[in-house]
C-alpha atoms as a PDB file:
ATOM      1  CA  MET A   1     104.751 110.997  80.105  1.00  0.00           C
ATOM      2  CA  SER A   2     105.256 107.705  78.442  1.00  0.00           C
ATOM      3  CA  GLN A   3     103.977 104.565  80.322  1.00  0.00           C
ATOM      4  CA  ALA A   4     107.903 103.178  80.577  1.00  0.00           C
ATOM      5  CA  ALA A   5     108.758 106.727  82.134  1.00  0.00           C
ATOM      6  CA  SER A   6     106.139 106.505  84.520  1.00  0.00           C
ATOM      7  CA  CYS A   7     107.081 103.118  85.511  1.00  0.00           C
ATOM      8  CA  TRP A   8     110.743 104.326  86.308  1.00  0.00           C
ATOM      9  CA  VAL A   9     109.593 107.431  88.074  1.00  0.00           C
ATOM     10  CA  VAL A  10     107.591 105.366  90.456  1.00  0.00           C
ATOM     11  CA  LEU A  11     110.418 102.905  91.107  1.00  0.00           C
ATOM     12  CA  LEU A  12     112.665 105.963  91.726  1.00  0.00           C
ATOM     13  CA  VAL A  13     110.040 107.735  94.229  1.00  0.00           C
ATOM     14  CA  ALA A  14     109.861 104.187  96.069  1.00  0.00           C
ATOM     15  CA  LEU A  15     113.843 104.099  96.210  1.00  0.00           C
ATOM     16  CA  VAL A  16     114.121 107.504  97.671  1.00  0.00           C
ATOM     17  CA  ALA A  17     110.962 106.810 100.029  1.00  0.00           C
ATOM     18  CA  ALA A  18     112.209 103.531 101.200  1.00  0.00           C
ATOM     19  CA  ASN A  19     115.569 105.072 102.382  1.00  0.00           C
ATOM     20  CA  LEU A  20     114.518 108.400 103.596  1.00  0.00           C
ATOM     21  CA  PRO A  21     113.692 107.171 107.201  1.00  0.00           C
ATOM     22  CA  PHE A  22     117.205 105.882 107.507  1.00  0.00           C
ATOM     23  CA  VAL A  23     119.362 108.743 106.393  1.00  0.00           C
ATOM     24  CA  ASN A  24     117.984 111.420 108.406  1.00  0.00           C
ATOM     25  CA  GLU A  25     117.055 112.112 112.052  1.00  0.00           C
ATOM     26  CA  ARG A  26     113.981 114.233 111.191  1.00  0.00           C
ATOM     27  CA  LEU A  27     110.333 113.139 111.472  1.00  0.00           C
ATOM     28  CA  MET A  28     109.269 112.477 107.802  1.00  0.00           C
ATOM     29  CA  ALA A  29     112.540 114.379 106.957  1.00  0.00           C
ATOM     30  CA  VAL A  30     110.635 117.542 107.812  1.00  0.00           C
ATOM     31  CA  VAL A  31     110.138 117.805 111.829  1.00  0.00           C
ATOM     32  CA  PRO A  32     113.423 117.810 113.890  1.00  0.00           C
ATOM     33  CA  LEU A  33     112.852 115.671 116.715  1.00  0.00           C
ATOM     34  CA  ALA A  34     114.403 116.470 120.433  1.00  0.00           C
ATOM     35  CA  GLY A  35     116.764 114.099 121.794  1.00  0.00           C
ATOM     36  CA  ARG A  36     119.406 111.462 120.506  1.00  0.00           C
ATOM     37  CA  GLY A  37     117.775 110.305 117.302  1.00  0.00           C
ATOM     38  CA  LYS A  38     114.854 108.318 116.083  1.00  0.00           C
ATOM     39  CA  PRO A  39     114.035 104.797 117.623  1.00  0.00           C
ATOM     40  CA  LEU A  40     114.019 101.947 114.935  1.00  0.00           C
ATOM     41  CA  ALA A  41     109.974 101.809 115.696  1.00  0.00           C
ATOM     42  CA  LEU A  42     109.652 105.398 114.667  1.00  0.00           C
ATOM     43  CA  ARG A  43     111.702 104.415 111.365  1.00  0.00           C
ATOM     44  CA  VAL A  44     109.393 101.586 110.763  1.00  0.00           C
ATOM     45  CA  ALA A  45     106.372 103.585 111.243  1.00  0.00           C
ATOM     46  CA  GLU A  46     107.680 106.099 108.475  1.00  0.00           C
ATOM     47  CA  LEU A  47     108.566 103.267 106.259  1.00  0.00           C
ATOM     48  CA  VAL A  48     104.817 102.277 106.399  1.00  0.00           C
ATOM     49  CA  VAL A  49     103.484 105.709 105.767  1.00  0.00           C
ATOM     50  CA  LEU A  50     106.098 106.409 102.903  1.00  0.00           C
ATOM     51  CA  TYR A  51     104.951 102.767 101.250  1.00  0.00           C
ATOM     52  CA  PHE A  52     101.530 104.076 100.940  1.00  0.00           C
ATOM     53  CA  LEU A  53     102.626 107.646  99.703  1.00  0.00           C
ATOM     54  CA  ALA A  54     104.819 106.130  96.986  1.00  0.00           C
ATOM     55  CA  GLY A  55     101.789 103.816  96.236  1.00  0.00           C
ATOM     56  CA  GLY A  56      99.600 106.825  95.666  1.00  0.00           C
ATOM     57  CA  VAL A  57     102.071 108.282  93.375  1.00  0.00           C
ATOM     58  CA  GLY A  58     101.836 105.017  91.323  1.00  0.00           C
ATOM     59  CA  MET A  59      98.123 105.297  91.498  1.00  0.00           C
ATOM     60  CA  LEU A  60      98.023 108.817  90.160  1.00  0.00           C
ATOM     61  CA  PHE A  61      99.963 107.729  87.179  1.00  0.00           C
ATOM     62  CA  GLU A  62      97.770 104.809  86.598  1.00  0.00           C
ATOM     63  CA  ARG A  63      94.716 107.163  86.889  1.00  0.00           C
ATOM     64  CA  ARG A  64      96.322 109.240  83.907  1.00  0.00           C
ATOM     65  CA  VAL A  65      96.856 106.161  81.803  1.00  0.00           C
ATOM     66  CA  GLY A  66      93.422 104.936  82.132  1.00  0.00           C
ATOM     67  CA  GLN A  67      91.256 103.008  84.882  1.00  0.00           C
ATOM     68  CA  ILE A  68      92.912 101.888  87.768  1.00  0.00           C
ATOM     69  CA  ALA A  69      92.900  98.011  88.180  1.00  0.00           C
ATOM     70  CA  PRO A  70      91.560  96.541  91.071  1.00  0.00           C
ATOM     71  CA  GLN A  71      94.203  94.802  93.308  1.00  0.00           C
ATOM     72  CA  GLY A  72      94.176  91.661  95.667  1.00  0.00           C
ATOM     73  CA  TRP A  73      96.156  91.115  98.901  1.00  0.00           C
ATOM     74  CA  GLU A  74      98.823  89.374  96.777  1.00  0.00           C
ATOM     75  CA  PHE A  75      99.848  92.717  95.099  1.00  0.00           C
ATOM     76  CA  TYR A  76     100.156  94.556  98.401  1.00  0.00           C
ATOM     77  CA  ALA A  77     102.382  91.496  99.860  1.00  0.00           C
ATOM     78  CA  VAL A  78     104.659  91.837  96.681  1.00  0.00           C
ATOM     79  CA  THR A  79     104.946  95.462  96.773  1.00  0.00           C
ATOM     80  CA  GLY A  80     105.405  95.754 100.337  1.00  0.00           C
ATOM     81  CA  ALA A  81     108.420  92.985  99.988  1.00  0.00           C
ATOM     82  CA  LEU A  82     109.907  95.203  97.241  1.00  0.00           C
ATOM     83  CA  PHE A  83     109.509  98.437  99.212  1.00  0.00           C
ATOM     84  CA  LEU A  84     111.401  96.450 102.049  1.00  0.00           C
ATOM     85  CA  VAL A  85     114.223  95.462  99.595  1.00  0.00           C
ATOM     86  CA  LEU A  86     114.537  98.929  98.493  1.00  0.00           C
ATOM     87  CA  ALA A  87     115.008 100.220 101.835  1.00  0.00           C
ATOM     88  CA  PHE A  88     117.872  97.588 102.741  1.00  0.00           C
ATOM     89  CA  PRO A  89     120.850 100.295 101.507  1.00  0.00           C
ATOM     90  CA  GLY A  90     119.166 103.021 104.051  1.00  0.00           C
ATOM     91  CA  PHE A  91     119.058 100.280 106.769  1.00  0.00           C
ATOM     92  CA  THR A  92     122.663  98.786 106.002  1.00  0.00           C
ATOM     93  CA  TRP A  93     124.072 102.207 106.176  1.00  0.00           C
ATOM     94  CA  ARG A  94     122.309 103.023 109.546  1.00  0.00           C
ATOM     95  CA  TYR A  95     122.580 100.159 111.558  1.00  0.00           C
ATOM     96  CA  LEU A  96     125.113  97.850 110.037  1.00  0.00           C
ATOM     97  CA  LEU A  97     128.160 100.093 109.026  1.00  0.00           C
ATOM     98  CA  LYS A  98     130.245 101.577 111.736  1.00  0.00           C
ATOM     99  CA  HIS A  99     130.409 105.212 111.848  1.00  0.00           C
ATOM    100  CA  ARG A 100     133.206 107.159 113.029  1.00  0.00           C
ATOM    101  CA  LYS A 101     132.501 109.641 116.020  1.00  0.00           C
ATOM    102  CA  GLY A 102     134.350 112.886 115.602  1.00  0.00           C
ATOM    103  CA  GLY A 103     136.772 113.668 112.504  1.00  0.00           C
ATOM    104  CA  HIS A 104     139.978 111.788 113.617  1.00  0.00           C
ATOM    105  CA  ALA A 105     141.713 109.776 110.853  1.00  0.00           C
END
């Protein structure tokens, strides 16, 4: 896989991972939860875990290309902010849009 394709795959993985906590009611999209739904704190915790998993995918691609470059705190601050921006569509869908209860038109 080319370097440009690897970048696009990592961005796509990050986009899906950032929105995953907001589009389902399961823990990590796998484990069903009892109760009304996931609280926001659990969604944020999932977001942090998925940030590191998406970063791991990026590191795997970087390792395939060559040596992994050392990163400072600035890298993690920028990628964390980008991950939050990528999560905005899921957050908007979950918390800012009104969802109809039932199927009445």
